[in-house]
Structure formats: structure tokens, C-alpha cells
PDB file of N, CA and C in Angstrom:
ATOM      1  N   LEU A   1     -17.178   9.671   5.641  1.00  0.00           N
ATOM      2  CA  LEU A   1     -16.663   8.929   4.497  1.00  0.00           C
ATOM      3  C   LEU A   1     -16.331   9.826   3.301  1.00  0.00           C
ATOM      4  N   LEU A   2     -16.663  11.093   3.374  1.00  0.00           N
ATOM      5  CA  LEU A   2     -16.377  11.985   2.245  1.00  0.00           C
ATOM      6  C   LEU A   2     -14.893  12.091   1.900  1.00  0.00           C
ATOM      7  N   PRO A   3     -13.967  12.074   2.856  1.00  0.00           N
ATOM      8  CA  PRO A   3     -12.551  12.121   2.482  1.00  0.00           C
ATOM      9  C   PRO A   3     -12.087  10.884   1.698  1.00  0.00           C
ATOM     10  N   VAL A   4     -12.856   9.809   1.759  1.00  0.00           N
ATOM     11  CA  VAL A   4     -12.481   8.594   1.035  1.00  0.00           C
ATOM     12  C   VAL A   4     -12.771   8.725  -0.469  1.00  0.00           C
ATOM     13  N   LEU A   5     -13.735   9.561  -0.813  1.00  0.00           N
ATOM     14  CA  LEU A   5     -14.120   9.691  -2.227  1.00  0.00           C
ATOM     15  C   LEU A   5     -12.964  10.089  -3.146  1.00  0.00           C
ATOM     16  N   PRO A   6     -12.070  11.006  -2.763  1.00  0.00           N
ATOM     17  CA  PRO A   6     -10.944  11.310  -3.657  1.00  0.00           C
ATOM     18  C   PRO A   6     -10.028  10.120  -3.912  1.00  0.00           C
ATOM     19  N   MET A   7     -10.069   9.131  -3.038  1.00  0.00           N
ATOM     20  CA  MET A   7      -9.232   7.949  -3.252  1.00  0.00           C
ATOM     21  C   MET A   7      -9.663   7.170  -4.494  1.00  0.00           C
ATOM     22  N   VAL A   8     -10.910   7.321  -4.904  1.00  0.00           N
ATOM     23  CA  VAL A   8     -11.351   6.716  -6.163  1.00  0.00           C
ATOM     24  C   VAL A   8     -10.554   7.339  -7.310  1.00  0.00           C
ATOM     25  N   GLY A   9     -10.339   8.643  -7.232  1.00  0.00           N
ATOM     26  CA  GLY A   9      -9.516   9.322  -8.242  1.00  0.00           C
ATOM     27  C   GLY A   9      -8.071   8.860  -8.208  1.00  0.00           C
ATOM     28  N   VAL A  10      -7.552   8.610  -7.012  1.00  0.00           N
ATOM     29  CA  VAL A  10      -6.181   8.104  -6.888  1.00  0.00           C
ATOM     30  C   VAL A  10      -6.075   6.719  -7.517  1.00  0.00           C
ATOM     31  N   ALA A  11      -7.052   5.867  -7.257  1.00  0.00           N
ATOM     32  CA  ALA A  11      -7.047   4.526  -7.853  1.00  0.00           C
ATOM     33  C   ALA A  11      -7.119   4.609  -9.373  1.00  0.00           C
ATOM     34  N   PHE A  12      -7.945   5.517  -9.885  1.00  0.00           N
ATOM     35  CA  PHE A  12      -8.047   5.683 -11.333  1.00  0.00           C
ATOM     36  C   PHE A  12      -6.736   6.207 -11.912  1.00  0.00           C
ATOM     37  N   ALA A  13      -6.085   7.137 -11.210  1.00  0.00           N
ATOM     38  CA  ALA A  13      -4.804   7.670 -11.682  1.00  0.00           C
ATOM     39  C   ALA A  13      -3.726   6.589 -11.687  1.00  0.00           C
ATOM     40  N   LEU A  14      -3.714   5.725 -10.668  1.00  0.00           N
ATOM     41  CA  LEU A  14      -2.764   4.617 -10.647  1.00  0.00           C
ATOM     42  C   LEU A  14      -3.016   3.651 -11.798  1.00  0.00           C
ATOM     43  N   TYR A  15      -4.275   3.383 -12.053  1.00  0.00           N
ATOM     44  CA  TYR A  15      -4.622   2.497 -13.169  1.00  0.00           C
ATOM     45  C   TYR A  15      -4.120   3.085 -14.493  1.00  0.00           C
ATOM     46  N   ARG A  16      -4.348   4.368 -14.688  1.00  0.00           N
ATOM     47  CA  ARG A  16      -3.895   5.012 -15.923  1.00  0.00           C
ATOM     48  C   ARG A  16      -2.379   5.030 -16.030  1.00  0.00           C
ATOM     49  N   ALA A  17      -1.698   5.247 -14.902  1.00  0.00           N
ATOM     50  CA  ALA A  17      -0.233   5.256 -14.923  1.00  0.00           C
ATOM     51  C   ALA A  17       0.320   3.889 -15.306  1.00  0.00           C
ATOM     52  N   VAL A  18      -0.291   2.835 -14.788  1.00  0.00           N
ATOM     53  CA  VAL A  18       0.164   1.486 -15.140  1.00  0.00           C
ATOM     54  C   VAL A  18      -0.114   1.206 -16.611  1.00  0.00           C
ATOM     55  N   GLN A  19      -1.256   1.655 -17.114  1.00  0.00           N
ATOM     56  CA  GLN A  19      -1.600   1.414 -18.514  1.00  0.00           C
ATOM     57  C   GLN A  19      -0.674   2.161 -19.469  1.00  0.00           C
ATOM     58  N   ARG A  20      -0.198   3.340 -19.069  1.00  0.00           N
ATOM     59  CA  ARG A  20       0.655   4.146 -19.939  1.00  0.00           C
ATOM     60  C   ARG A  20       2.119   3.736 -19.900  1.00  0.00           C
ATOM     61  N   ALA A  21       2.515   3.000 -18.871  1.00  0.00           N
ATOM     62  CA  ALA A  21       3.921   2.655 -18.697  1.00  0.00           C
ATOM     63  C   ALA A  21       4.356   1.597 -19.708  1.00  0.00           C
ATOM     64  N   ASP A  22       5.659   1.598 -19.974  1.00  0.00           N
ATOM     65  CA  ASP A  22       6.197   0.533 -20.817  1.00  0.00           C
ATOM     66  C   ASP A  22       6.291  -0.751 -19.983  1.00  0.00           C
ATOM     67  N   GLU A  23       6.807  -1.822 -20.592  1.00  0.00           N
ATOM     68  CA  GLU A  23       6.785  -3.109 -19.918  1.00  0.00           C
ATOM     69  C   GLU A  23       7.602  -3.107 -18.629  1.00  0.00           C
ATOM     70  N   TYR A  24       8.797  -2.517 -18.672  1.00  0.00           N
ATOM     71  CA  TYR A  24       9.633  -2.499 -17.478  1.00  0.00           C
ATOM     72  C   TYR A  24       8.982  -1.659 -16.375  1.00  0.00           C
ATOM     73  N   GLY A  25       8.487  -0.489 -16.732  1.00  0.00           N
ATOM     74  CA  GLY A  25       7.833   0.371 -15.752  1.00  0.00           C
ATOM     75  C   GLY A  25       6.614  -0.285 -15.152  1.00  0.00           C
ATOM     76  N   ARG A  26       5.879  -1.004 -15.964  1.00  0.00           N
ATOM     77  CA  ARG A  26       4.684  -1.707 -15.480  1.00  0.00           C
ATOM     78  C   ARG A  26       5.063  -2.805 -14.489  1.00  0.00           C
ATOM     79  N   ILE A  27       6.111  -3.545 -14.810  1.00  0.00           N
ATOM     80  CA  ILE A  27       6.561  -4.612 -13.908  1.00  0.00           C
ATOM     81  C   ILE A  27       7.014  -4.030 -12.575  1.00  0.00           C
ATOM     82  N   VAL A  28       7.786  -2.942 -12.642  1.00  0.00           N
ATOM     83  CA  VAL A  28       8.285  -2.331 -11.410  1.00  0.00           C
ATOM     84  C   VAL A  28       7.128  -1.784 -10.576  1.00  0.00           C
ATOM     85  N   MET A  29       6.191  -1.073 -11.206  1.00  0.00           N
ATOM     86  CA  MET A  29       5.057  -0.515 -10.462  1.00  0.00           C
ATOM     87  C   MET A  29       4.222  -1.608  -9.812  1.00  0.00           C
ATOM     88  N   LEU A  30       3.916  -2.651 -10.560  1.00  0.00           N
ATOM     89  CA  LEU A  30       3.089  -3.721 -10.013  1.00  0.00           C
ATOM     90  C   LEU A  30       3.820  -4.501  -8.925  1.00  0.00           C
ATOM     91  N   GLU A  31       5.140  -4.671  -9.073  1.00  0.00           N
ATOM     92  CA  GLU A  31       5.916  -5.346  -8.041  1.00  0.00           C
ATOM     93  C   GLU A  31       5.913  -4.532  -6.745  1.00  0.00           C
ATOM     94  N   CYS A  32       6.077  -3.221  -6.862  1.00  0.00           N
ATOM     95  CA  CYS A  32       6.078  -2.361  -5.684  1.00  0.00           C
ATOM     96  C   CYS A  32       4.707  -2.324  -5.030  1.00  0.00           C
ATOM     97  N   MET A  33       3.655  -2.281  -5.832  1.00  0.00           N
ATOM     98  CA  MET A  33       2.305  -2.304  -5.272  1.00  0.00           C
ATOM     99  C   MET A  33       2.035  -3.629  -4.566  1.00  0.00           C
ATOM    100  N   ALA A  34       2.498  -4.729  -5.155  1.00  0.00           N
ATOM    101  CA  ALA A  34       2.274  -6.043  -4.554  1.00  0.00           C
ATOM    102  C   ALA A  34       3.003  -6.167  -3.225  1.00  0.00           C
ATOM    103  N   LEU A  35       4.239  -5.680  -3.157  1.00  0.00           N
ATOM    104  CA  LEU A  35       4.976  -5.758  -1.901  1.00  0.00           C
ATOM    105  C   LEU A  35       4.355  -4.849  -0.842  1.00  0.00           C
ATOM    106  N   GLY A  36       3.883  -3.685  -1.247  1.00  0.00           N
ATOM    107  CA  GLY A  36       3.191  -2.802  -0.306  1.00  0.00           C
ATOM    108  C   GLY A  36       1.912  -3.429   0.213  1.00  0.00           C
ATOM    109  N   PHE A  37       1.168  -4.069  -0.689  1.00  0.00           N
ATOM    110  CA  PHE A  37      -0.067  -4.741  -0.281  1.00  0.00           C
ATOM    111  C   PHE A  37       0.240  -5.890   0.672  1.00  0.00           C
ATOM    112  N   GLY A  38       1.258  -6.675   0.359  1.00  0.00           N
ATOM    113  CA  GLY A  38       1.625  -7.792   1.227  1.00  0.00           C
ATOM    114  C   GLY A  38       2.050  -7.324   2.613  1.00  0.00           C
ATOM    115  N   ALA A  39       2.838  -6.258   2.664  1.00  0.00           N
ATOM    116  CA  ALA A  39       3.279  -5.729   3.956  1.00  0.00           C
ATOM    117  C   ALA A  39       2.098  -5.202   4.755  1.00  0.00           C
ATOM    118  N   SER A  40       1.166  -4.536   4.088  1.00  0.00           N
ATOM    119  CA  SER A  40       0.005  -4.029   4.822  1.00  0.00           C
ATOM    120  C   SER A  40      -0.896  -5.168   5.294  1.00  0.00           C
ATOM    121  N   MET A  41      -0.978  -6.240   4.549  1.00  0.00           N
ATOM    122  CA  MET A  41      -1.781  -7.379   4.992  1.00  0.00           C
ATOM    123  C   MET A  41      -1.134  -8.067   6.184  1.00  0.00           C
ATOM    124  N   ILE A  42       0.189  -8.159   6.199  1.00  0.00           N
ATOM    125  CA  ILE A  42       0.875  -8.741   7.354  1.00  0.00           C
ATOM    126  C   ILE A  42       0.642  -7.874   8.590  1.00  0.00           C
ATOM    127  N   ALA A  43       0.746  -6.538   8.413  1.00  0.00           N
ATOM    128  CA  ALA A  43       0.489  -5.637   9.533  1.00  0.00           C
ATOM    129  C   ALA A  43      -0.957  -5.748   9.997  1.00  0.00           C
ATOM    130  N   SER A  44      -1.877  -5.893   9.060  1.00  0.00           N
ATOM    131  CA  SER A  44      -3.286  -6.033   9.409  1.00  0.00           C
ATOM    132  C   SER A  44      -3.539  -7.319  10.192  1.00  0.00           C
ATOM    133  N   MET A  45      -2.920  -8.405   9.770  1.00  0.00           N
ATOM    134  CA  MET A  45      -3.068  -9.666  10.501  1.00  0.00           C
ATOM    135  C   MET A  45      -2.474  -9.566  11.897  1.00  0.00           C
ATOM    136  N   ALA A  46      -1.318  -8.922  12.015  1.00  0.00           N
ATOM    137  CA  ALA A  46      -0.681  -8.775  13.322  1.00  0.00           C
ATOM    138  C   ALA A  46      -1.580  -7.962  14.253  1.00  0.00           C
ATOM    139  N   LEU A  47      -2.152  -6.869  13.753  1.00  0.00           N
ATOM    140  CA  LEU A  47      -3.067  -6.075  14.576  1.00  0.00           C
ATOM    141  C   LEU A  47      -4.327  -6.867  14.921  1.00  0.00           C
ATOM    142  N   GLY A  48      -4.793  -7.692  13.992  1.00  0.00           N
ATOM    143  CA  GLY A  48      -5.954  -8.535  14.276  1.00  0.00           C
ATOM    144  C   GLY A  48      -5.678  -9.534  15.375  1.00  0.00           C
ATOM    145  N   PHE A  49      -4.489 -10.147  15.346  1.00  0.00           N
ATOM    146  CA  PHE A  49      -4.133 -11.091  16.402  1.00  0.00           C
ATOM    147  C   PHE A  49      -3.965 -10.380  17.737  1.00  0.00           C
ATOM    148  N   LEU A  50      -3.378  -9.179  17.715  1.00  0.00           N
ATOM    149  CA  LEU A  50      -3.251  -8.408  18.949  1.00  0.00           C
ATOM    150  C   LEU A  50      -4.626  -8.016  19.488  1.00  0.00           C
ATOM    151  N   GLY A  51      -5.553  -7.688  18.579  1.00  0.00           N
ATOM    152  CA  GLY A  51      -6.915  -7.379  19.010  1.00  0.00           C
ATOM    153  C   GLY A  51      -7.597  -8.580  19.623  1.00  0.00           C
ATOM    154  N   GLY A  52      -7.241  -9.770  19.153  1.00  0.00           N
ATOM    155  CA  GLY A  52      -7.824 -10.992  19.696  1.00  0.00           C
ATOM    156  C   GLY A  52      -7.424 -11.259  21.139  1.00  0.00           C
ATOM    157  N   ILE A  53      -6.268 -10.745  21.553  1.00  0.00           N
ATOM    158  CA  ILE A  53      -5.846 -10.954  22.943  1.00  0.00           C
ATOM    159  C   ILE A  53      -6.105  -9.719  23.803  1.00  0.00           C
ATOM    160  N   GLY A  54      -6.808  -8.735  23.238  1.00  0.00           N
ATOM    161  CA  GLY A  54      -7.223  -7.594  24.038  1.00  0.00           C
ATOM    162  C   GLY A  54      -6.443  -6.313  23.821  1.00  0.00           C
ATOM    163  N   VAL A  55      -5.448  -6.317  22.953  1.00  0.00           N
ATOM    164  CA  VAL A  55      -4.689  -5.098  22.673  1.00  0.00           C
ATOM    165  C   VAL A  55      -5.345  -4.405  21.485  1.00  0.00           C
ATOM    166  N   ALA A  56      -5.939  -3.253  21.733  1.00  0.00           N
ATOM    167  CA  ALA A  56      -6.636  -2.526  20.667  1.00  0.00           C
ATOM    168  C   ALA A  56      -5.996  -1.156  20.496  1.00  0.00           C
ATOM    169  N   TRP A  57      -5.654  -0.822  19.258  1.00  0.00           N
ATOM    170  CA  TRP A  57      -5.069   0.479  18.953  1.00  0.00           C
ATOM    171  C   TRP A  57      -6.062   1.278  18.138  1.00  0.00           C
ATOM    172  N   THR A  58      -6.294   2.492  18.540  1.00  0.00           N
ATOM    173  CA  THR A  58      -7.250   3.328  17.809  1.00  0.00           C
ATOM    174  C   THR A  58      -6.671   3.802  16.483  1.00  0.00           C
ATOM    175  N   PHE A  59      -5.362   3.822  16.357  1.00  0.00           N
ATOM    176  CA  PHE A  59      -4.731   4.273  15.119  1.00  0.00           C
ATOM    177  C   PHE A  59      -4.217   3.096  14.286  1.00  0.00           C
ATOM    178  N   GLY A  60      -4.790   1.929  14.495  1.00  0.00           N
ATOM    179  CA  GLY A  60      -4.332   0.730  13.795  1.00  0.00           C
ATOM    180  C   GLY A  60      -4.445   0.831  12.282  1.00  0.00           C
ATOM    181  N   GLY A  61      -5.507   1.476  11.793  1.00  0.00           N
ATOM    182  CA  GLY A  61      -5.658   1.646  10.343  1.00  0.00           C
ATOM    183  C   GLY A  61      -4.553   2.489   9.749  1.00  0.00           C
ATOM    184  N   TRP A  62      -4.164   3.525  10.467  1.00  0.00           N
ATOM    185  CA  TRP A  62      -3.060   4.366   9.980  1.00  0.00           C
ATOM    186  C   TRP A  62      -1.740   3.621  10.031  1.00  0.00           C
ATOM    187  N   LEU A  63      -1.586   2.743  11.003  1.00  0.00           N
ATOM    188  CA  LEU A  63      -0.379   1.941  11.071  1.00  0.00           C
ATOM    189  C   LEU A  63      -0.288   0.999   9.873  1.00  0.00           C
ATOM    190  N   VAL A  64      -1.383   0.362   9.538  1.00  0.00           N
ATOM    191  CA  VAL A  64      -1.416  -0.531   8.373  1.00  0.00           C
ATOM    192  C   VAL A  64      -1.125   0.262   7.099  1.00  0.00           C
ATOM    193  N   PHE A  65      -1.748   1.427   6.963  1.00  0.00           N
ATOM    194  CA  PHE A  65      -1.507   2.283   5.800  1.00  0.00           C
ATOM    195  C   PHE A  65      -0.040   2.691   5.726  1.00  0.00           C
ATOM    196  N   GLY A  66       0.531   3.092   6.857  1.00  0.00           N
ATOM    197  CA  GLY A  66       1.927   3.509   6.885  1.00  0.00           C
ATOM    198  C   GLY A  66       2.886   2.397   6.529  1.00  0.00           C
ATOM    199  N   VAL A  67       2.611   1.202   7.006  1.00  0.00           N
ATOM    200  CA  VAL A  67       3.465   0.053   6.678  1.00  0.00           C
ATOM    201  C   VAL A  67       3.403  -0.240   5.186  1.00  0.00           C
ATOM    202  N   GLY A  68       2.207  -0.213   4.618  1.00  0.00           N
ATOM    203  CA  GLY A  68       2.066  -0.478   3.185  1.00  0.00           C
ATOM    204  C   GLY A  68       2.754   0.569   2.326  1.00  0.00           C
ATOM    205  N   MET A  69       2.573   1.837   2.672  1.00  0.00           N
ATOM    206  CA  MET A  69       3.195   2.909   1.882  1.00  0.00           C
ATOM    207  C   MET A  69       4.715   2.922   2.044  1.00  0.00           C
ATOM    208  N   THR A  70       5.189   2.589   3.240  1.00  0.00           N
ATOM    209  CA  THR A  70       6.630   2.513   3.462  1.00  0.00           C
ATOM    210  C   THR A  70       7.238   1.377   2.643  1.00  0.00           C
ATOM    211  N   ALA A  71       6.564   0.240   2.613  1.00  0.00           N
ATOM    212  CA  ALA A  71       7.065  -0.878   1.808  1.00  0.00           C
ATOM    213  C   ALA A  71       7.034  -0.533   0.327  1.00  0.00           C
ATOM    214  N   TRP A  72       5.983   0.134  -0.131  1.00  0.00           N
ATOM    215  CA  TRP A  72       5.871   0.522  -1.531  1.00  0.00           C
ATOM    216  C   TRP A  72       6.997   1.475  -1.907  1.00  0.00           C
ATOM    217  N   SER A  73       7.181   2.539  -1.115  1.00  0.00           N
ATOM    218  CA  SER A  73       8.215   3.519  -1.448  1.00  0.00           C
ATOM    219  C   SER A  73       9.614   2.948  -1.251  1.00  0.00           C
ATOM    220  N   GLY A  74       9.781   2.090  -0.248  1.00  0.00           N
ATOM    221  CA  GLY A  74      11.083   1.449  -0.057  1.00  0.00           C
ATOM    222  C   GLY A  74      11.453   0.560  -1.228  1.00  0.00           C
ATOM    223  N   THR A  75      10.480  -0.148  -1.758  1.00  0.00           N
ATOM    224  CA  THR A  75      10.743  -0.981  -2.935  1.00  0.00           C
ATOM    225  C   THR A  75      11.102  -0.120  -4.138  1.00  0.00           C
ATOM    226  N   LEU A  76      10.431   1.003  -4.296  1.00  0.00           N
ATOM    227  CA  LEU A  76      10.779   1.922  -5.390  1.00  0.00           C
ATOM    228  C   LEU A  76      12.208   2.427  -5.253  1.00  0.00           C
ATOM    229  N   LEU A  77      12.612   2.753  -4.030  1.00  0.00           N
ATOM    230  CA  LEU A  77      13.977   3.228  -3.811  1.00  0.00           C
ATOM    231  C   LEU A  77      15.001   2.142  -4.097  1.00  0.00           C
ATOM    232  N   VAL A  78      14.707   0.911  -3.671  1.00  0.00           N
ATOM    233  CA  VAL A  78      15.636  -0.186  -3.917  1.00  0.00           C
ATOM    234  C   VAL A  78      15.739  -0.478  -5.402  1.00  0.00           C
ATOM    235  N   ARG A  79      14.615  -0.413  -6.105  1.00  0.00           N
ATOM    236  CA  ARG A  79      14.623  -0.675  -7.551  1.00  0.00           C
ATOM    237  C   ARG A  79      15.245   0.466  -8.336  1.00  0.00           C
ATOM    238  N   GLY A  80      15.404   1.637  -7.715  1.00  0.00           N
ATOM    239  CA  GLY A  80      16.052   2.760  -8.376  1.00  0.00           C
ATOM    240  C   GLY A  80      15.144   3.543  -9.303  1.00  0.00           C
ATOM    241  N   VAL A  81      13.837   3.451  -9.116  1.00  0.00           N
ATOM    242  CA  VAL A  81      12.896   4.174  -9.955  1.00  0.00           C
ATOM    243  C   VAL A  81      12.469   5.426  -9.212  1.00  0.00           C
ATOM    244  N   ARG A  82      12.546   6.563  -9.891  1.00  0.00           N
ATOM    245  CA  ARG A  82      12.151   7.821  -9.248  1.00  0.00           C
ATOM    246  C   ARG A  82      11.000   8.437  -9.970  1.00  0.00           C
TER     247      ARG A  82
END
């Protein structure tokens, strides 16, 4: 679990970035985070249902993470924020 500890710093950095942003930047960041979270939850549910019928993937957590980050970055690209 030691590699997870730096993620606390990432969460704190994201919090600070949202707090420092102006209103438009804050809306865009929170919208992108929300869409990434929603996409990762859909992927998580799909993997859960697949696990219920006997299909188990050892890299399922990375798949959920990848789907969420792809949705987050894709939303940023569509919104035109760099």
C-alpha cells in the first residue's frame, strides 16, 4: 500500500488547483472530473457484473483507472483546455 500514499498528495494538489482557479476553470475542471468519475463507475459496474458470471480480470482495477483517466483527458481536449 505504500505506492498509494503519494496519491494523497495528488488529491491535495487537485484540491488546491480547483481552489486557485477562476470560475470558468473551476467549472471545467469539476466537469471533467465528474465525467471521469462517472465513466470509471460504469466500467467498475460492468466488471462487477462480469465477475458475477465468472469472468474475472486480474487487471480490472487498471482498466477502471484507464477508463476514468481517458474520459477525464478526453473531456479536457473537447473543452479545449490545456
